[in-house]
Amino acid sequence: MTSSDTVIEKTGKSLEEWFAILDRWGATTKGHPATAKYLASEWGVNAWWSQNITVEYEKARGLRVVGQRADGSFEVSFRRTLPAPVEWVYAAFTEPELLNRWFTHDAQLDVREGGSYRTGDSDNGVYKKVVPAKRLRFTWENPNHCPGSIVEIQFDAPSTDRCVLSLTHSKIKTQDGYNDMKAGWSDALDSLKALAESYQIDP
């Protein structure tokens, strides 16, 4: 939630005042893009604050729930610091033997752009972006859990023995899917962290 003082400082009005303006305009039926454009073109609000105010308005009026994006899809994001080198953490996503230890079983991976993957849990998809020890982006086509969605992972190395992992699962179509993926990825990343901690003992 954006603080009211900050909104006033940056836009000249409080969120409550902006909400009243948008209510009078009928924003509840106009949609996100039109509302943001209205704030920018009619009220001179810059692009960042137009989007921010619109999001807060949608939440306040029940037009958007936690995790929901402007296009109606849902997105979950995680950021974890793991006690292992970035190369090891990357391998945990790209080498079947390691992936099977914390995420799945019977993984089959062709880690290259355009290559595909499949796991024993029916997770499958195609790699869209592969930058070793830096970035992975792949489609997610599990028929029972959020088909048609996208997973993107960023690997950063603040030190030789630490990796900051950022994972976003986007284009989730339903709130139930969002809830499932939020719980599922949280548990999986806890397992990955435990495995990374064991790396310190037996690299």
Protein backbone atom coordinates (compact mmCIF):
# COMPACT_ATOMS: atom_id res chain seq x y z
CA MET A 1 0.00 0.00 0.00
CA THR A 2 1.39 3.39 -0.99
CA SER A 3 1.49 5.84 1.93
CA SER A 4 -0.96 8.72 1.72
CA ASP A 5 1.74 11.28 2.49
CA THR A 6 3.81 10.07 -0.45
CA VAL A 7 0.82 10.20 -2.81
CA ILE A 8 0.04 13.76 -1.75
CA GLU A 9 3.68 14.79 -2.16
CA LYS A 10 3.98 13.28 -5.62
CA THR A 11 0.52 13.95 -7.06
CA GLY A 12 -0.99 16.80 -5.07
CA LYS A 13 -3.92 14.73 -3.82
CA SER A 14 -4.50 11.90 -1.36
CA LEU A 15 -5.57 8.44 -2.47
CA GLU A 16 -9.03 9.11 -1.09
CA GLU A 17 -9.31 12.23 -3.26
CA TRP A 18 -8.16 10.29 -6.33
CA PHE A 19 -10.62 7.52 -5.52
CA ALA A 20 -13.47 10.03 -5.37
CA ILE A 21 -12.43 11.47 -8.73
CA LEU A 22 -12.33 8.02 -10.29
CA ASP A 23 -15.70 7.10 -8.78
CA ARG A 24 -17.28 10.19 -10.36
CA TRP A 25 -15.71 9.27 -13.69
CA GLY A 26 -17.07 5.71 -13.43
CA ALA A 27 -13.70 3.96 -13.30
CA THR A 28 -15.18 0.71 -11.97
CA THR A 29 -16.51 -0.05 -15.45
CA LYS A 30 -13.72 1.44 -17.57
CA GLY A 31 -10.87 -1.02 -17.05
CA HIS A 32 -7.26 -0.58 -16.00
CA PRO A 33 -5.69 0.86 -19.19
CA ALA A 34 -8.43 3.46 -19.68
CA THR A 35 -8.29 4.52 -16.02
CA ALA A 36 -4.53 4.99 -16.03
CA LYS A 37 -4.77 6.90 -19.31
CA TYR A 38 -7.51 9.12 -17.87
CA LEU A 39 -5.34 10.08 -14.89
CA ALA A 40 -2.43 10.90 -17.19
CA SER A 41 -4.28 12.79 -19.92
CA GLU A 42 -6.95 14.61 -17.89
CA TRP A 43 -5.12 15.17 -14.61
CA GLY A 44 -1.47 15.33 -15.65
CA VAL A 45 -0.39 12.42 -13.44
CA ASN A 46 2.85 10.84 -14.65
CA ALA A 47 2.88 7.29 -16.00
CA TRP A 48 4.23 5.61 -12.84
CA TRP A 49 1.74 7.28 -10.51
CA SER A 50 -1.16 6.78 -12.94
CA GLN A 51 -0.51 3.04 -12.77
CA ASN A 52 0.02 3.07 -9.01
CA ILE A 53 -3.17 4.99 -8.23
CA THR A 54 -5.16 2.78 -10.60
CA VAL A 55 -3.91 -0.39 -8.91
CA GLU A 56 -4.73 0.96 -5.44
CA TYR A 57 -8.18 2.00 -6.66
CA GLU A 58 -8.85 -1.45 -8.09
CA LYS A 59 -7.86 -3.07 -4.80
CA ALA A 60 -10.00 -0.67 -2.78
CA ARG A 61 -13.07 -1.26 -4.96
CA GLY A 62 -12.66 -5.03 -5.09
CA LEU A 63 -11.72 -5.06 -8.75
CA ARG A 64 -8.38 -6.69 -8.10
CA VAL A 65 -7.30 -9.23 -5.50
CA VAL A 66 -3.85 -10.00 -4.13
CA GLY A 67 -1.56 -11.31 -6.85
CA GLN A 68 -3.79 -10.20 -9.72
CA ARG A 69 -2.34 -8.20 -12.61
CA ALA A 70 -3.97 -5.53 -14.73
CA ASP A 71 -4.84 -8.06 -17.46
CA GLY A 72 -6.74 -10.23 -14.96
CA SER A 73 -4.08 -12.92 -14.68
CA PHE A 74 -2.25 -13.75 -11.46
CA GLU A 75 1.43 -13.76 -10.56
CA VAL A 76 3.49 -15.11 -7.68
CA SER A 77 7.01 -13.92 -6.92
CA PHE A 78 9.71 -15.14 -4.56
CA ARG A 79 13.16 -13.95 -3.60
CA ARG A 80 15.48 -16.22 -1.63
CA THR A 81 19.12 -15.98 -0.59
CA LEU A 82 20.69 -19.43 -0.76
CA PRO A 83 23.95 -20.50 0.91
CA ALA A 84 25.60 -21.93 -2.21
CA PRO A 85 27.45 -20.63 -5.28
CA VAL A 86 25.33 -19.33 -8.14
CA GLU A 87 26.62 -22.11 -10.41
CA TRP A 88 25.30 -24.75 -8.00
CA VAL A 89 21.88 -23.06 -7.69
CA TYR A 90 21.61 -22.81 -11.48
CA ALA A 91 22.52 -26.49 -11.74
CA ALA A 92 19.74 -27.29 -9.26
CA PHE A 93 17.28 -26.11 -11.94
CA THR A 94 19.07 -27.48 -15.00
CA GLU A 95 20.60 -30.83 -14.04
CA PRO A 96 18.07 -33.68 -13.64
CA GLU A 97 19.92 -35.34 -10.76
CA LEU A 98 19.83 -32.19 -8.65
CA LEU A 99 16.32 -31.14 -9.68
CA ASN A 100 15.03 -34.57 -8.64
CA ARG A 101 16.45 -34.07 -5.14
CA TRP A 102 14.28 -31.05 -4.25
CA PHE A 103 11.55 -30.50 -6.83
CA THR A 104 10.36 -33.58 -8.68
CA HIS A 105 11.28 -37.05 -9.97
CA ASP A 106 12.18 -38.50 -13.35
CA ALA A 107 13.08 -35.09 -14.79
CA GLN A 108 14.03 -34.92 -18.47
CA LEU A 109 15.64 -31.60 -19.41
CA ASP A 110 16.91 -30.19 -22.70
CA VAL A 111 18.15 -26.87 -21.36
CA ARG A 112 18.55 -24.65 -24.40
CA GLU A 113 16.37 -22.04 -26.02
CA GLY A 114 13.69 -23.98 -27.82
CA GLY A 115 14.46 -27.13 -25.83
CA SER A 116 11.79 -28.82 -23.73
CA TYR A 117 11.49 -30.29 -20.26
CA ARG A 118 9.26 -32.84 -18.57
CA THR A 119 9.02 -34.13 -15.01
CA GLY A 120 7.42 -37.11 -13.34
CA ASP A 121 4.78 -34.72 -11.93
CA SER A 122 3.54 -33.83 -15.45
CA ASP A 123 5.24 -30.44 -15.43
CA ASN A 124 6.36 -29.69 -18.99
CA GLY A 125 7.15 -26.82 -21.29
CA VAL A 126 9.70 -25.11 -23.50
CA TYR A 127 12.73 -23.00 -22.59
CA LYS A 128 12.34 -19.50 -24.00
CA LYS A 129 15.45 -17.90 -22.51
CA VAL A 130 18.59 -19.60 -21.23
CA VAL A 131 21.54 -17.59 -19.91
CA PRO A 132 23.73 -19.93 -17.85
CA ALA A 133 23.97 -18.96 -14.17
CA LYS A 134 22.00 -15.79 -14.96
CA ARG A 135 18.47 -16.37 -16.20
CA LEU A 136 15.90 -18.99 -17.17
CA ARG A 137 12.50 -18.42 -18.72
CA PHE A 138 10.19 -21.26 -19.68
CA THR A 139 6.58 -22.08 -20.37
CA TRP A 140 4.60 -24.13 -17.86
CA GLU A 141 2.08 -26.56 -19.35
CA ASN A 142 1.12 -28.91 -16.53
CA PRO A 143 -2.44 -29.87 -17.57
CA ASN A 144 -3.64 -29.95 -13.96
CA HIS A 145 -1.82 -26.91 -12.59
CA CYS A 146 -1.84 -23.57 -14.41
CA PRO A 147 -1.25 -24.56 -18.05
CA GLY A 148 -0.34 -21.64 -20.30
CA SER A 149 1.70 -19.85 -17.64
CA ILE A 150 5.32 -18.66 -17.56
CA VAL A 151 8.17 -19.12 -15.07
CA GLU A 152 11.13 -16.75 -15.01
CA ILE A 153 14.14 -17.16 -12.72
CA GLN A 154 16.97 -14.72 -12.11
CA PHE A 155 20.23 -15.82 -10.49
CA ASP A 156 22.46 -13.19 -8.84
CA ALA A 157 25.75 -13.73 -7.03
CA PRO A 158 26.44 -11.20 -4.24
CA SER A 159 29.43 -13.35 -3.21
CA THR A 160 31.16 -16.56 -4.26
CA ASP A 161 29.21 -18.64 -1.72
CA ARG A 162 25.79 -16.97 -1.94
CA CYS A 163 23.10 -16.79 -4.61
CA VAL A 164 20.06 -14.52 -4.63
CA LEU A 165 17.28 -16.31 -6.47
CA SER A 166 14.30 -14.36 -7.86
CA LEU A 167 11.44 -16.48 -9.24
CA THR A 168 8.24 -15.23 -10.84
CA HIS A 169 5.40 -17.44 -12.06
CA SER A 170 3.09 -15.31 -14.22
CA LYS A 171 0.10 -15.60 -16.56
CA ILE A 172 -1.75 -17.77 -14.03
CA LYS A 173 -5.40 -17.73 -15.05
CA THR A 174 -7.26 -18.24 -11.76
CA GLN A 175 -7.04 -17.30 -8.10
CA ASP A 176 -7.09 -21.00 -7.18
CA GLY A 177 -4.08 -21.47 -9.45
CA TYR A 178 -2.37 -18.53 -7.78
CA ASN A 179 -2.98 -20.05 -4.34
CA ASP A 180 -1.69 -23.45 -5.48
CA MET A 181 1.47 -22.02 -7.03
CA LYS A 182 2.15 -19.72 -4.10
CA ALA A 183 2.06 -22.68 -1.70
CA GLY A 184 3.80 -25.07 -4.08
CA TRP A 185 6.73 -22.82 -4.95
CA SER A 186 7.14 -21.76 -1.33
CA ASP A 187 7.48 -25.39 -0.23
CA ALA A 188 9.76 -26.24 -3.14
CA LEU A 189 12.10 -23.32 -2.48
CA ASP A 190 12.26 -24.28 1.20
CA SER A 191 13.41 -27.71 0.04
CA LEU A 192 15.97 -26.11 -2.28
CA LYS A 193 17.31 -23.99 0.57
CA ALA A 194 17.68 -27.08 2.78
CA LEU A 195 19.55 -28.82 -0.03
CA ALA A 196 21.77 -25.75 -0.50
CA GLU A 197 22.59 -25.80 3.20
CA SER A 198 23.70 -29.42 2.83
CA TYR A 199 26.03 -28.29 0.03
CA GLN A 200 28.01 -26.35 2.63
CA ILE A 201 28.59 -29.60 4.50
CA ASP A 202 29.30 -31.85 1.51
CA PRO A 203 29.93 -29.78 -1.66
